[in-house]
């Protein structure tokens, strides 16, 4: 796939570029700051942008604000936020729009090559991918709100795994339960969150958004 990489650390930018090109991808835009990234994307279409959160000049939230702008300007582009930090408020805004083709991973995941590549491929395919630690922040906030308080601890665990992009079969394997049991949990989650029957993949995304909407309202 064709990629853009926005990362202020030259060493990490080079390492990621070599890693990705070594696995058959191309890094068509490589930028140390947001203006360089945006300028490059005007003339070079890509499938996914890998974006750090804290970038020059203030090293606060430039990256994730740029991700919001990118998604508004080019809705079909995939964005994988890769950061050491959880910017919950802006992340909530980002995912609360159109979550398809969005991901948020912590940089520690780069050390786990298969998980990182899998997340990148899922984002390119239009899936929603969230790092477990990011999810824990959202879930911790969500338990304070009525919309999530109706879920049992087991249902929240299943929803967390759903949000990581796991299939029902993969969830059953991890939790050491039958596929039928997982399907019952998923059905219960949809029911408790008032997600009406329809395309199951779409309802899975909406279930994840239930977490993110709560987070936005609590201003983490």
N, C-alpha and C. Protein backbone atom coordinates (compact mmCIF):
# COMPACT_ATOMS: atom_id res chain seq x y z
N UNK A 1 0.83 -1.19 0.00
CA UNK A 1 0.00 0.00 0.00
C UNK A 1 0.87 1.25 0.00
N UNK A 2 0.29 2.36 -0.39
CA UNK A 2 1.00 3.63 -0.43
C UNK A 2 0.73 4.38 0.87
N UNK A 3 1.82 4.86 1.48
CA UNK A 3 1.72 5.43 2.82
C UNK A 3 2.33 6.82 2.89
N UNK A 4 1.84 7.60 3.87
CA UNK A 4 2.48 8.85 4.27
C UNK A 4 2.85 8.70 5.74
N UNK A 5 3.97 9.27 6.11
CA UNK A 5 4.47 9.14 7.48
C UNK A 5 4.80 10.52 8.03
N UNK A 6 4.15 10.88 9.14
CA UNK A 6 4.42 12.15 9.80
C UNK A 6 4.95 11.86 11.19
N UNK A 7 6.23 12.12 11.39
CA UNK A 7 6.92 11.80 12.65
C UNK A 7 8.12 12.73 12.78
N UNK A 8 8.20 13.45 13.91
CA UNK A 8 9.28 14.43 14.06
C UNK A 8 10.62 13.79 14.36
N UNK A 9 10.64 12.58 14.89
CA UNK A 9 11.91 11.90 15.18
C UNK A 9 12.48 11.32 13.89
N UNK A 10 13.63 11.83 13.47
CA UNK A 10 14.24 11.36 12.23
C UNK A 10 14.60 9.88 12.31
N UNK A 11 15.05 9.44 13.48
CA UNK A 11 15.45 8.04 13.63
C UNK A 11 14.22 7.12 13.50
N UNK A 12 13.14 7.46 14.19
CA UNK A 12 11.94 6.63 14.09
C UNK A 12 11.34 6.69 12.70
N UNK A 13 11.39 7.86 12.08
CA UNK A 13 10.87 8.00 10.71
C UNK A 13 11.65 7.09 9.76
N UNK A 14 12.96 7.09 9.87
CA UNK A 14 13.79 6.23 9.02
C UNK A 14 13.54 4.76 9.32
N UNK A 15 13.46 4.42 10.60
CA UNK A 15 13.24 3.03 11.00
C UNK A 15 11.91 2.51 10.46
N UNK A 16 10.86 3.31 10.61
CA UNK A 16 9.55 2.90 10.12
C UNK A 16 9.54 2.78 8.59
N UNK A 17 10.21 3.71 7.93
CA UNK A 17 10.27 3.65 6.47
C UNK A 17 10.95 2.38 6.00
N UNK A 18 12.08 2.05 6.60
CA UNK A 18 12.79 0.82 6.22
C UNK A 18 11.96 -0.41 6.54
N UNK A 19 11.31 -0.40 7.68
CA UNK A 19 10.47 -1.52 8.09
C UNK A 19 9.33 -1.74 7.10
N UNK A 20 8.66 -0.67 6.74
CA UNK A 20 7.48 -0.78 5.87
C UNK A 20 7.86 -1.11 4.43
N UNK A 21 8.92 -0.50 3.92
CA UNK A 21 9.33 -0.79 2.55
C UNK A 21 9.86 -2.22 2.45
N UNK A 22 10.45 -2.71 3.53
CA UNK A 22 10.93 -4.08 3.53
C UNK A 22 9.82 -5.10 3.49
N UNK A 23 8.61 -4.67 3.71
CA UNK A 23 7.45 -5.57 3.67
C UNK A 23 6.51 -5.24 2.51
N UNK A 24 7.07 -4.57 1.52
CA UNK A 24 6.36 -4.38 0.26
C UNK A 24 5.53 -3.12 0.14
N UNK A 25 5.54 -2.26 1.16
CA UNK A 25 4.79 -1.02 1.09
C UNK A 25 5.70 0.10 0.59
N UNK A 26 5.10 1.23 0.20
CA UNK A 26 5.89 2.39 -0.21
C UNK A 26 5.52 3.58 0.66
N UNK A 27 6.53 4.29 1.13
CA UNK A 27 6.32 5.52 1.89
C UNK A 27 6.54 6.67 0.93
N UNK A 28 5.44 7.20 0.38
CA UNK A 28 5.51 8.22 -0.66
C UNK A 28 5.68 9.62 -0.10
N UNK A 29 5.25 9.83 1.14
CA UNK A 29 5.40 11.13 1.79
C UNK A 29 5.99 10.89 3.18
N UNK A 30 7.10 11.55 3.47
CA UNK A 30 7.73 11.45 4.78
C UNK A 30 7.96 12.86 5.30
N UNK A 31 7.40 13.16 6.47
CA UNK A 31 7.43 14.54 6.94
C UNK A 31 7.76 14.61 8.41
N UNK A 32 8.48 15.67 8.78
CA UNK A 32 8.83 15.91 10.19
C UNK A 32 7.87 16.88 10.85
N UNK A 33 6.97 17.48 10.07
CA UNK A 33 6.00 18.41 10.63
C UNK A 33 4.74 18.39 9.79
N UNK A 34 3.68 18.98 10.31
CA UNK A 34 2.37 18.93 9.65
C UNK A 34 2.36 19.69 8.33
N UNK A 35 2.92 20.92 8.22
CA UNK A 35 2.89 21.61 6.93
C UNK A 35 3.54 20.82 5.80
N UNK A 36 4.66 20.16 6.10
CA UNK A 36 5.32 19.35 5.08
C UNK A 36 4.45 18.17 4.67
N UNK A 37 3.80 17.56 5.63
CA UNK A 37 2.89 16.45 5.34
C UNK A 37 1.75 16.92 4.43
N UNK A 38 1.08 18.00 4.81
CA UNK A 38 -0.06 18.48 4.04
C UNK A 38 0.34 18.87 2.63
N UNK A 39 1.49 19.50 2.49
CA UNK A 39 1.97 19.88 1.16
C UNK A 39 2.22 18.65 0.30
N UNK A 40 2.81 17.62 0.90
CA UNK A 40 3.09 16.41 0.15
C UNK A 40 1.83 15.69 -0.29
N UNK A 41 0.81 15.68 0.57
CA UNK A 41 -0.42 14.98 0.25
C UNK A 41 -1.24 15.66 -0.84
N UNK A 42 -1.00 16.95 -1.07
CA UNK A 42 -1.73 17.65 -2.13
C UNK A 42 -1.41 17.08 -3.50
N UNK A 43 -0.19 16.58 -3.67
CA UNK A 43 0.22 16.08 -4.99
C UNK A 43 0.43 14.57 -5.02
N UNK A 44 0.37 13.93 -3.86
CA UNK A 44 0.66 12.50 -3.79
C UNK A 44 -0.44 11.77 -3.04
N UNK A 45 -1.33 11.08 -3.72
CA UNK A 45 -2.37 10.33 -3.03
C UNK A 45 -1.80 9.09 -2.34
N UNK A 46 -2.30 8.82 -1.14
CA UNK A 46 -1.85 7.65 -0.39
C UNK A 46 -3.07 6.91 0.16
N UNK A 47 -2.83 5.69 0.61
CA UNK A 47 -3.91 4.89 1.21
C UNK A 47 -4.09 5.19 2.69
N UNK A 48 -2.96 5.31 3.41
CA UNK A 48 -3.01 5.53 4.85
C UNK A 48 -1.93 6.53 5.26
N UNK A 49 -2.28 7.41 6.19
CA UNK A 49 -1.32 8.31 6.81
C UNK A 49 -1.03 7.80 8.22
N UNK A 50 0.25 7.59 8.52
CA UNK A 50 0.67 7.23 9.87
C UNK A 50 1.11 8.52 10.55
N UNK A 51 0.43 8.88 11.63
CA UNK A 51 0.55 10.23 12.17
C UNK A 51 0.90 10.21 13.66
N UNK A 52 1.97 10.93 14.01
CA UNK A 52 2.26 11.15 15.43
C UNK A 52 1.29 12.20 15.97
N UNK A 53 1.11 12.25 17.28
CA UNK A 53 0.20 13.22 17.89
C UNK A 53 0.92 14.54 18.17
N UNK A 54 2.06 14.48 18.84
CA UNK A 54 2.76 15.69 19.27
C UNK A 54 3.89 16.00 18.30
N UNK A 55 3.72 17.09 17.56
CA UNK A 55 4.67 17.46 16.52
C UNK A 55 5.01 18.94 16.64
N UNK A 56 6.05 19.39 15.91
CA UNK A 56 6.42 20.81 15.95
C UNK A 56 5.26 21.68 15.47
N UNK A 57 5.18 22.94 15.93
CA UNK A 57 6.19 23.60 16.78
C UNK A 57 5.95 23.47 18.28
N UNK A 58 4.73 23.16 18.72
CA UNK A 58 4.45 23.18 20.16
C UNK A 58 4.54 21.80 20.81
N UNK A 59 4.55 20.74 20.00
CA UNK A 59 4.61 19.36 20.50
C UNK A 59 3.48 19.08 21.49
N UNK A 60 2.27 19.51 21.12
CA UNK A 60 1.11 19.23 21.96
C UNK A 60 0.14 18.32 21.22
N UNK A 61 -0.64 18.89 20.31
CA UNK A 61 -1.67 18.08 19.64
C UNK A 61 -1.75 18.34 18.13
N UNK A 62 -0.66 18.89 17.56
CA UNK A 62 -0.68 19.23 16.14
C UNK A 62 -1.06 18.05 15.25
N UNK A 63 -0.52 16.89 15.56
CA UNK A 63 -0.74 15.72 14.71
C UNK A 63 -2.19 15.29 14.66
N UNK A 64 -2.82 15.19 15.81
CA UNK A 64 -4.19 14.68 15.82
C UNK A 64 -5.17 15.72 15.28
N UNK A 65 -4.86 17.01 15.45
CA UNK A 65 -5.68 18.04 14.82
C UNK A 65 -5.54 17.95 13.31
N UNK A 66 -4.33 17.68 12.84
CA UNK A 66 -4.12 17.49 11.40
C UNK A 66 -4.88 16.27 10.90
N UNK A 67 -4.96 15.23 11.73
CA UNK A 67 -5.73 14.04 11.34
C UNK A 67 -7.20 14.38 11.17
N UNK A 68 -7.73 15.21 12.07
CA UNK A 68 -9.11 15.67 11.94
C UNK A 68 -9.31 16.43 10.63
N UNK A 69 -8.37 17.31 10.31
CA UNK A 69 -8.46 18.08 9.07
C UNK A 69 -8.38 17.18 7.85
N UNK A 70 -7.47 16.22 7.91
CA UNK A 70 -7.32 15.29 6.78
C UNK A 70 -8.60 14.53 6.51
N UNK A 71 -9.23 14.04 7.57
CA UNK A 71 -10.45 13.25 7.41
C UNK A 71 -11.60 14.11 6.88
N UNK A 72 -11.61 15.38 7.23
CA UNK A 72 -12.64 16.27 6.70
C UNK A 72 -12.37 16.59 5.23
N UNK A 73 -11.10 16.74 4.90
CA UNK A 73 -10.73 17.11 3.53
C UNK A 73 -10.77 15.93 2.59
N UNK A 74 -10.35 14.76 3.08
CA UNK A 74 -10.30 13.54 2.26
C UNK A 74 -10.90 12.40 3.06
N UNK A 75 -12.24 12.27 3.08
CA UNK A 75 -12.90 11.28 3.95
C UNK A 75 -12.44 9.85 3.73
N UNK A 76 -12.03 9.48 2.54
CA UNK A 76 -11.67 8.09 2.28
C UNK A 76 -10.27 7.70 2.72
N UNK A 77 -9.47 8.66 3.13
CA UNK A 77 -8.09 8.34 3.47
C UNK A 77 -8.03 7.65 4.84
N UNK A 78 -7.19 6.64 4.95
CA UNK A 78 -6.99 5.97 6.22
C UNK A 78 -6.01 6.75 7.08
N UNK A 79 -6.25 6.77 8.38
CA UNK A 79 -5.34 7.45 9.31
C UNK A 79 -5.06 6.53 10.49
N UNK A 80 -3.77 6.26 10.71
CA UNK A 80 -3.35 5.48 11.87
C UNK A 80 -2.54 6.40 12.77
N UNK A 81 -3.12 6.80 13.89
CA UNK A 81 -2.42 7.63 14.85
C UNK A 81 -1.47 6.74 15.65
N UNK A 82 -0.22 7.17 15.72
CA UNK A 82 0.81 6.39 16.40
C UNK A 82 1.52 7.31 17.38
N UNK A 83 1.32 7.07 18.67
CA UNK A 83 1.79 8.04 19.65
C UNK A 83 2.21 7.38 20.95
N UNK A 84 2.97 8.13 21.74
CA UNK A 84 3.28 7.70 23.11
C UNK A 84 2.19 8.15 24.07
N UNK A 85 1.30 8.99 23.59
CA UNK A 85 0.34 9.64 24.46
C UNK A 85 -1.09 9.35 24.01
N UNK A 86 -2.01 9.44 24.97
CA UNK A 86 -3.44 9.29 24.68
C UNK A 86 -4.08 10.66 24.79
N UNK A 87 -4.38 11.26 23.65
CA UNK A 87 -5.08 12.54 23.60
C UNK A 87 -6.58 12.24 23.49
N UNK A 88 -7.20 11.96 24.61
CA UNK A 88 -8.55 11.40 24.60
C UNK A 88 -9.58 12.35 24.01
N UNK A 89 -9.50 13.63 24.32
CA UNK A 89 -10.53 14.56 23.86
C UNK A 89 -10.53 14.66 22.34
N UNK A 90 -9.36 14.88 21.74
CA UNK A 90 -9.29 15.00 20.28
C UNK A 90 -9.52 13.65 19.61
N UNK A 91 -9.07 12.59 20.24
CA UNK A 91 -9.32 11.26 19.68
C UNK A 91 -10.82 10.98 19.61
N UNK A 92 -11.55 11.41 20.62
CA UNK A 92 -13.00 11.24 20.62
C UNK A 92 -13.63 11.97 19.45
N UNK A 93 -13.18 13.19 19.18
CA UNK A 93 -13.70 13.94 18.05
C UNK A 93 -13.37 13.25 16.74
N UNK A 94 -12.15 12.73 16.65
CA UNK A 94 -11.73 12.06 15.43
C UNK A 94 -12.58 10.84 15.14
N UNK A 95 -12.77 9.99 16.13
CA UNK A 95 -13.51 8.75 15.93
C UNK A 95 -15.02 8.97 15.90
N UNK A 96 -15.49 10.05 16.48
CA UNK A 96 -16.93 10.29 16.53
C UNK A 96 -17.48 10.74 15.19
N UNK A 97 -16.61 11.09 14.24
CA UNK A 97 -17.08 11.46 12.91
C UNK A 97 -17.42 10.20 12.12
N UNK A 98 -16.47 9.79 11.28
CA UNK A 98 -16.62 8.55 10.51
C UNK A 98 -15.47 7.64 10.92
N UNK A 99 -15.72 6.62 11.73
CA UNK A 99 -14.62 5.83 12.30
C UNK A 99 -13.99 4.84 11.34
N UNK A 100 -14.63 4.57 10.20
CA UNK A 100 -14.07 3.61 9.26
C UNK A 100 -12.69 4.09 8.79
N UNK A 101 -11.72 3.18 8.81
CA UNK A 101 -10.38 3.52 8.33
C UNK A 101 -9.60 4.38 9.29
N UNK A 102 -9.88 4.24 10.59
CA UNK A 102 -9.15 4.99 11.61
C UNK A 102 -8.52 4.04 12.62
N UNK A 103 -7.34 4.39 13.09
CA UNK A 103 -6.69 3.60 14.13
C UNK A 103 -5.93 4.48 15.09
N UNK A 104 -5.74 4.01 16.32
CA UNK A 104 -4.97 4.74 17.33
C UNK A 104 -4.16 3.70 18.10
N UNK A 105 -2.85 3.70 17.87
CA UNK A 105 -1.94 2.78 18.55
C UNK A 105 -0.92 3.56 19.35
N UNK A 106 -0.48 2.98 20.45
CA UNK A 106 0.64 3.53 21.18
C UNK A 106 1.94 3.01 20.57
N UNK A 107 3.01 3.80 20.67
CA UNK A 107 4.24 3.49 19.95
C UNK A 107 4.87 2.17 20.39
N UNK A 108 4.56 1.71 21.57
CA UNK A 108 5.08 0.42 22.01
C UNK A 108 4.68 -0.69 21.04
N UNK A 109 3.56 -0.50 20.31
CA UNK A 109 3.08 -1.54 19.39
C UNK A 109 4.02 -1.71 18.20
N UNK A 110 4.86 -0.71 17.92
CA UNK A 110 5.78 -0.83 16.80
C UNK A 110 6.74 -1.99 17.02
N UNK A 111 7.03 -2.28 18.28
CA UNK A 111 7.92 -3.39 18.60
C UNK A 111 7.28 -4.74 18.29
N UNK A 112 5.96 -4.76 18.17
CA UNK A 112 5.23 -5.99 17.86
C UNK A 112 4.84 -5.92 16.38
N UNK A 113 5.73 -6.40 15.52
CA UNK A 113 5.61 -6.20 14.09
C UNK A 113 4.30 -6.70 13.52
N UNK A 114 3.91 -7.90 13.87
CA UNK A 114 2.69 -8.48 13.30
C UNK A 114 1.46 -7.68 13.68
N UNK A 115 1.37 -7.25 14.94
CA UNK A 115 0.22 -6.47 15.38
C UNK A 115 0.18 -5.12 14.68
N UNK A 116 1.34 -4.50 14.54
CA UNK A 116 1.39 -3.20 13.87
C UNK A 116 0.99 -3.31 12.41
N UNK A 117 1.54 -4.29 11.71
CA UNK A 117 1.19 -4.48 10.30
C UNK A 117 -0.28 -4.87 10.15
N UNK A 118 -0.76 -5.70 11.07
CA UNK A 118 -2.17 -6.09 11.02
C UNK A 118 -3.07 -4.89 11.20
N UNK A 119 -2.72 -4.01 12.14
CA UNK A 119 -3.51 -2.80 12.38
C UNK A 119 -3.49 -1.90 11.15
N UNK A 120 -2.33 -1.77 10.54
CA UNK A 120 -2.20 -0.94 9.34
C UNK A 120 -3.07 -1.47 8.21
N UNK A 121 -3.05 -2.79 8.03
CA UNK A 121 -3.86 -3.40 6.97
C UNK A 121 -5.35 -3.25 7.25
N UNK A 122 -5.74 -3.36 8.53
CA UNK A 122 -7.16 -3.21 8.86
C UNK A 122 -7.63 -1.77 8.63
N UNK A 123 -6.79 -0.81 8.97
CA UNK A 123 -7.14 0.59 8.71
C UNK A 123 -7.28 0.82 7.21
N UNK A 124 -6.34 0.29 6.43
CA UNK A 124 -6.41 0.44 4.97
C UNK A 124 -7.68 -0.19 4.40
N UNK A 125 -8.16 -1.26 5.05
CA UNK A 125 -9.36 -1.95 4.59
C UNK A 125 -10.64 -1.28 5.08
N UNK A 126 -10.49 -0.20 5.88
CA UNK A 126 -11.66 0.53 6.35
C UNK A 126 -12.14 0.15 7.74
N UNK A 127 -11.36 -0.66 8.45
CA UNK A 127 -11.75 -1.06 9.80
C UNK A 127 -11.35 0.02 10.82
N UNK A 128 -11.86 -0.13 12.03
CA UNK A 128 -11.51 0.74 13.14
C UNK A 128 -10.63 -0.03 14.11
N UNK A 129 -9.47 0.53 14.47
CA UNK A 129 -8.50 -0.17 15.32
C UNK A 129 -8.12 0.74 16.49
N UNK A 130 -8.25 0.20 17.70
CA UNK A 130 -7.87 0.96 18.89
C UNK A 130 -6.92 0.14 19.76
N UNK A 131 -5.88 0.78 20.23
CA UNK A 131 -4.95 0.14 21.15
C UNK A 131 -5.67 -0.22 22.44
N UNK A 132 -5.37 -1.39 23.02
CA UNK A 132 -6.03 -1.77 24.27
C UNK A 132 -5.91 -0.74 25.38
N UNK A 133 -4.77 -0.06 25.48
CA UNK A 133 -4.61 0.93 26.53
C UNK A 133 -5.50 2.15 26.28
N UNK A 134 -5.64 2.53 25.01
CA UNK A 134 -6.55 3.62 24.67
C UNK A 134 -7.97 3.22 25.05
N UNK A 135 -8.32 1.98 24.72
CA UNK A 135 -9.65 1.48 25.06
C UNK A 135 -9.89 1.50 26.56
N UNK A 136 -8.86 1.13 27.33
CA UNK A 136 -9.04 1.12 28.79
C UNK A 136 -9.36 2.52 29.31
N UNK A 137 -8.74 3.55 28.70
CA UNK A 137 -9.05 4.91 29.11
C UNK A 137 -10.50 5.24 28.80
N UNK A 138 -10.94 4.86 27.61
CA UNK A 138 -12.32 5.13 27.22
C UNK A 138 -13.29 4.35 28.11
N UNK A 139 -12.96 3.08 28.34
CA UNK A 139 -13.85 2.23 29.14
C UNK A 139 -13.91 2.75 30.58
N UNK A 140 -12.78 3.18 31.12
CA UNK A 140 -12.77 3.70 32.47
C UNK A 140 -13.69 4.89 32.61
N UNK A 141 -13.70 5.76 31.59
CA UNK A 141 -14.60 6.91 31.62
C UNK A 141 -16.03 6.48 31.39
N UNK A 142 -16.20 5.49 30.51
CA UNK A 142 -17.56 5.12 30.11
C UNK A 142 -18.36 4.51 31.26
N UNK A 143 -17.69 3.89 32.21
CA UNK A 143 -18.44 3.26 33.31
C UNK A 143 -19.13 4.29 34.19
N UNK A 144 -18.78 5.57 34.04
CA UNK A 144 -19.42 6.61 34.81
C UNK A 144 -20.71 7.10 34.18
N UNK A 145 -21.02 6.59 32.98
CA UNK A 145 -22.15 7.10 32.22
C UNK A 145 -23.21 6.03 32.06
N UNK A 146 -24.47 6.47 32.01
CA UNK A 146 -25.58 5.53 31.94
C UNK A 146 -25.51 4.64 30.71
N UNK A 147 -25.04 5.18 29.58
CA UNK A 147 -25.07 4.42 28.35
C UNK A 147 -24.25 3.14 28.44
N UNK A 148 -23.21 3.14 29.27
CA UNK A 148 -22.37 1.96 29.38
C UNK A 148 -22.62 1.17 30.66
N UNK A 149 -23.29 1.77 31.61
CA UNK A 149 -23.46 1.13 32.91
C UNK A 149 -24.37 -0.10 32.83
N UNK A 150 -25.11 -0.23 31.74
CA UNK A 150 -25.99 -1.38 31.60
C UNK A 150 -25.23 -2.64 31.19
N UNK A 151 -23.99 -2.48 30.75
CA UNK A 151 -23.20 -3.64 30.33
C UNK A 151 -22.61 -4.35 31.54
N UNK A 152 -22.59 -5.68 31.47
CA UNK A 152 -21.92 -6.46 32.51
C UNK A 152 -20.42 -6.39 32.27
N UNK A 153 -19.59 -6.71 33.28
CA UNK A 153 -18.14 -6.72 33.07
C UNK A 153 -17.73 -7.61 31.89
N UNK A 154 -18.38 -8.76 31.72
CA UNK A 154 -18.03 -9.66 30.62
C UNK A 154 -18.40 -9.04 29.27
N UNK A 155 -19.54 -8.35 29.24
CA UNK A 155 -19.94 -7.70 27.99
C UNK A 155 -18.98 -6.57 27.65
N UNK A 156 -18.51 -5.83 28.65
CA UNK A 156 -17.52 -4.78 28.37
C UNK A 156 -16.23 -5.39 27.86
N UNK A 157 -15.85 -6.55 28.39
CA UNK A 157 -14.65 -7.23 27.92
C UNK A 157 -14.80 -7.64 26.46
N UNK A 158 -15.96 -8.17 26.11
CA UNK A 158 -16.22 -8.56 24.72
C UNK A 158 -16.20 -7.33 23.82
N UNK A 159 -16.80 -6.23 24.28
CA UNK A 159 -16.83 -5.01 23.49
C UNK A 159 -15.42 -4.46 23.27
N UNK A 160 -14.58 -4.56 24.29
CA UNK A 160 -13.19 -4.13 24.13
C UNK A 160 -12.50 -4.93 23.03
N UNK A 161 -12.70 -6.23 23.03
CA UNK A 161 -12.09 -7.07 22.01
C UNK A 161 -12.68 -6.80 20.63
N UNK A 162 -13.96 -6.52 20.56
CA UNK A 162 -14.59 -6.13 19.30
C UNK A 162 -13.92 -4.88 18.75
N UNK A 163 -13.67 -3.91 19.63
CA UNK A 163 -13.08 -2.64 19.21
C UNK A 163 -11.64 -2.80 18.74
N UNK A 164 -10.98 -3.86 19.19
CA UNK A 164 -9.63 -4.15 18.72
C UNK A 164 -9.64 -4.80 17.35
N UNK A 165 -10.82 -5.02 16.79
CA UNK A 165 -10.94 -5.62 15.47
C UNK A 165 -11.03 -7.13 15.48
N UNK A 166 -11.24 -7.73 16.67
CA UNK A 166 -11.31 -9.19 16.76
C UNK A 166 -12.65 -9.70 16.21
N UNK A 167 -12.61 -10.81 15.52
CA UNK A 167 -13.83 -11.47 15.08
C UNK A 167 -14.44 -12.22 16.26
N UNK A 168 -15.69 -12.65 16.10
CA UNK A 168 -16.31 -13.43 17.17
C UNK A 168 -15.52 -14.70 17.46
N UNK A 169 -15.00 -15.33 16.41
CA UNK A 169 -14.21 -16.55 16.59
C UNK A 169 -12.95 -16.28 17.41
N UNK A 170 -12.27 -15.16 17.10
CA UNK A 170 -11.06 -14.81 17.84
C UNK A 170 -11.38 -14.47 19.29
N UNK A 171 -12.51 -13.81 19.52
CA UNK A 171 -12.92 -13.49 20.89
C UNK A 171 -13.20 -14.77 21.67
N UNK A 172 -13.89 -15.70 21.03
CA UNK A 172 -14.19 -16.98 21.70
C UNK A 172 -12.91 -17.69 22.10
N UNK A 173 -11.92 -17.66 21.20
CA UNK A 173 -10.64 -18.33 21.49
C UNK A 173 -9.94 -17.66 22.66
N UNK A 174 -9.92 -16.33 22.69
CA UNK A 174 -9.21 -15.63 23.76
C UNK A 174 -9.89 -15.82 25.11
N UNK A 175 -11.22 -15.81 25.11
CA UNK A 175 -11.95 -15.92 26.37
C UNK A 175 -12.22 -17.36 26.78
N UNK A 176 -11.82 -18.30 25.90
CA UNK A 176 -12.01 -19.73 26.17
C UNK A 176 -13.50 -20.07 26.38
N UNK A 177 -14.32 -19.52 25.49
CA UNK A 177 -15.75 -19.84 25.50
C UNK A 177 -16.16 -20.25 24.10
N UNK A 178 -17.39 -20.72 23.94
CA UNK A 178 -17.85 -21.14 22.63
C UNK A 178 -18.20 -19.95 21.77
N UNK A 179 -18.22 -20.18 20.45
CA UNK A 179 -18.61 -19.13 19.52
C UNK A 179 -20.04 -18.68 19.79
N UNK A 180 -20.90 -19.64 20.11
CA UNK A 180 -22.29 -19.31 20.42
C UNK A 180 -22.42 -18.40 21.62
N UNK A 181 -21.57 -18.60 22.62
CA UNK A 181 -21.60 -17.75 23.80
C UNK A 181 -21.21 -16.32 23.45
N UNK A 182 -20.17 -16.18 22.62
CA UNK A 182 -19.74 -14.84 22.20
C UNK A 182 -20.85 -14.16 21.41
N UNK A 183 -21.49 -14.90 20.52
CA UNK A 183 -22.58 -14.32 19.73
C UNK A 183 -23.70 -13.82 20.62
N UNK A 184 -23.96 -14.54 21.72
CA UNK A 184 -24.99 -14.09 22.67
C UNK A 184 -24.56 -12.79 23.36
N UNK A 185 -23.27 -12.71 23.73
CA UNK A 185 -22.77 -11.48 24.34
C UNK A 185 -22.90 -10.31 23.36
N UNK A 186 -22.51 -10.54 22.11
CA UNK A 186 -22.56 -9.47 21.11
C UNK A 186 -24.00 -9.01 20.90
N UNK A 187 -24.91 -9.96 20.81
CA UNK A 187 -26.33 -9.60 20.65
C UNK A 187 -26.82 -8.79 21.85
N UNK A 188 -26.39 -9.19 23.05
CA UNK A 188 -26.79 -8.46 24.26
C UNK A 188 -26.22 -7.04 24.26
N UNK A 189 -24.98 -6.90 23.80
CA UNK A 189 -24.35 -5.57 23.73
C UNK A 189 -25.15 -4.67 22.78
N UNK A 190 -25.48 -5.20 21.60
CA UNK A 190 -26.26 -4.41 20.65
C UNK A 190 -27.60 -3.99 21.27
N UNK A 191 -28.22 -4.91 21.97
CA UNK A 191 -29.52 -4.64 22.56
C UNK A 191 -29.43 -3.58 23.65
N UNK A 192 -28.43 -3.73 24.54
CA UNK A 192 -28.29 -2.79 25.66
C UNK A 192 -27.93 -1.39 25.17
N UNK A 193 -27.18 -1.31 24.06
CA UNK A 193 -26.79 -0.01 23.52
C UNK A 193 -27.81 0.51 22.51
N UNK A 194 -28.93 -0.20 22.39
CA UNK A 194 -30.03 0.23 21.52
C UNK A 194 -29.58 0.34 20.06
N UNK A 195 -28.80 -0.64 19.62
CA UNK A 195 -28.36 -0.71 18.22
C UNK A 195 -29.26 -1.71 17.52
N UNK A 196 -30.10 -1.19 16.64
CA UNK A 196 -31.13 -2.01 16.03
C UNK A 196 -30.56 -2.96 14.98
N UNK A 197 -31.27 -4.04 14.70
CA UNK A 197 -30.79 -5.02 13.72
C UNK A 197 -30.44 -4.37 12.39
N UNK A 198 -29.36 -4.83 11.82
CA UNK A 198 -28.88 -4.31 10.54
C UNK A 198 -27.60 -5.03 10.20
N UNK A 199 -26.72 -4.35 9.50
CA UNK A 199 -25.44 -4.95 9.13
C UNK A 199 -24.57 -5.07 10.37
N UNK A 200 -24.18 -6.29 10.73
CA UNK A 200 -23.47 -6.50 11.99
C UNK A 200 -22.16 -5.74 12.07
N UNK A 201 -21.40 -5.66 10.93
CA UNK A 201 -20.14 -4.93 10.96
C UNK A 201 -20.39 -3.46 11.31
N UNK A 202 -21.47 -2.89 10.76
CA UNK A 202 -21.79 -1.50 11.04
C UNK A 202 -22.15 -1.34 12.52
N UNK A 203 -22.91 -2.27 13.06
CA UNK A 203 -23.28 -2.18 14.48
C UNK A 203 -22.06 -2.34 15.38
N UNK A 204 -21.08 -3.12 14.96
CA UNK A 204 -19.86 -3.27 15.75
C UNK A 204 -19.15 -1.92 15.86
N UNK A 205 -19.10 -1.18 14.76
CA UNK A 205 -18.47 0.14 14.79
C UNK A 205 -19.26 1.08 15.69
N UNK A 206 -20.58 1.05 15.57
CA UNK A 206 -21.42 1.91 16.41
C UNK A 206 -21.25 1.58 17.89
N UNK A 207 -21.04 0.30 18.21
CA UNK A 207 -20.82 -0.08 19.60
C UNK A 207 -19.53 0.54 20.13
N UNK A 208 -18.48 0.55 19.31
CA UNK A 208 -17.23 1.19 19.70
C UNK A 208 -17.45 2.69 19.91
N UNK A 209 -18.23 3.28 19.01
CA UNK A 209 -18.50 4.71 19.12
C UNK A 209 -19.23 5.05 20.41
N UNK A 210 -19.98 4.11 20.96
CA UNK A 210 -20.65 4.34 22.23
C UNK A 210 -19.62 4.68 23.31
N UNK A 211 -18.47 4.00 23.27
CA UNK A 211 -17.38 4.34 24.19
C UNK A 211 -16.88 5.75 23.93
N UNK A 212 -16.61 6.03 22.65
CA UNK A 212 -15.96 7.28 22.29
C UNK A 212 -16.86 8.48 22.52
N UNK A 213 -18.16 8.32 22.27
CA UNK A 213 -19.08 9.40 22.54
C UNK A 213 -19.14 9.76 24.00
N UNK A 214 -19.08 8.74 24.85
CA UNK A 214 -19.05 8.99 26.29
C UNK A 214 -17.79 9.73 26.67
N UNK A 215 -16.66 9.34 26.08
CA UNK A 215 -15.40 9.99 26.40
C UNK A 215 -15.43 11.46 26.03
N UNK A 216 -16.00 11.76 24.85
CA UNK A 216 -16.07 13.14 24.43
C UNK A 216 -16.87 13.98 25.42
N UNK A 217 -17.93 13.39 25.97
CA UNK A 217 -18.78 14.15 26.88
C UNK A 217 -18.15 14.34 28.24
N UNK A 218 -17.18 13.50 28.59
CA UNK A 218 -16.54 13.64 29.90
C UNK A 218 -15.26 14.47 29.84
N UNK A 219 -14.83 14.84 28.60
CA UNK A 219 -13.64 15.70 28.43
C UNK A 219 -12.43 15.19 29.18
N UNK A 220 -12.02 13.95 28.88
CA UNK A 220 -10.84 13.40 29.54
C UNK A 220 -9.62 14.27 29.30
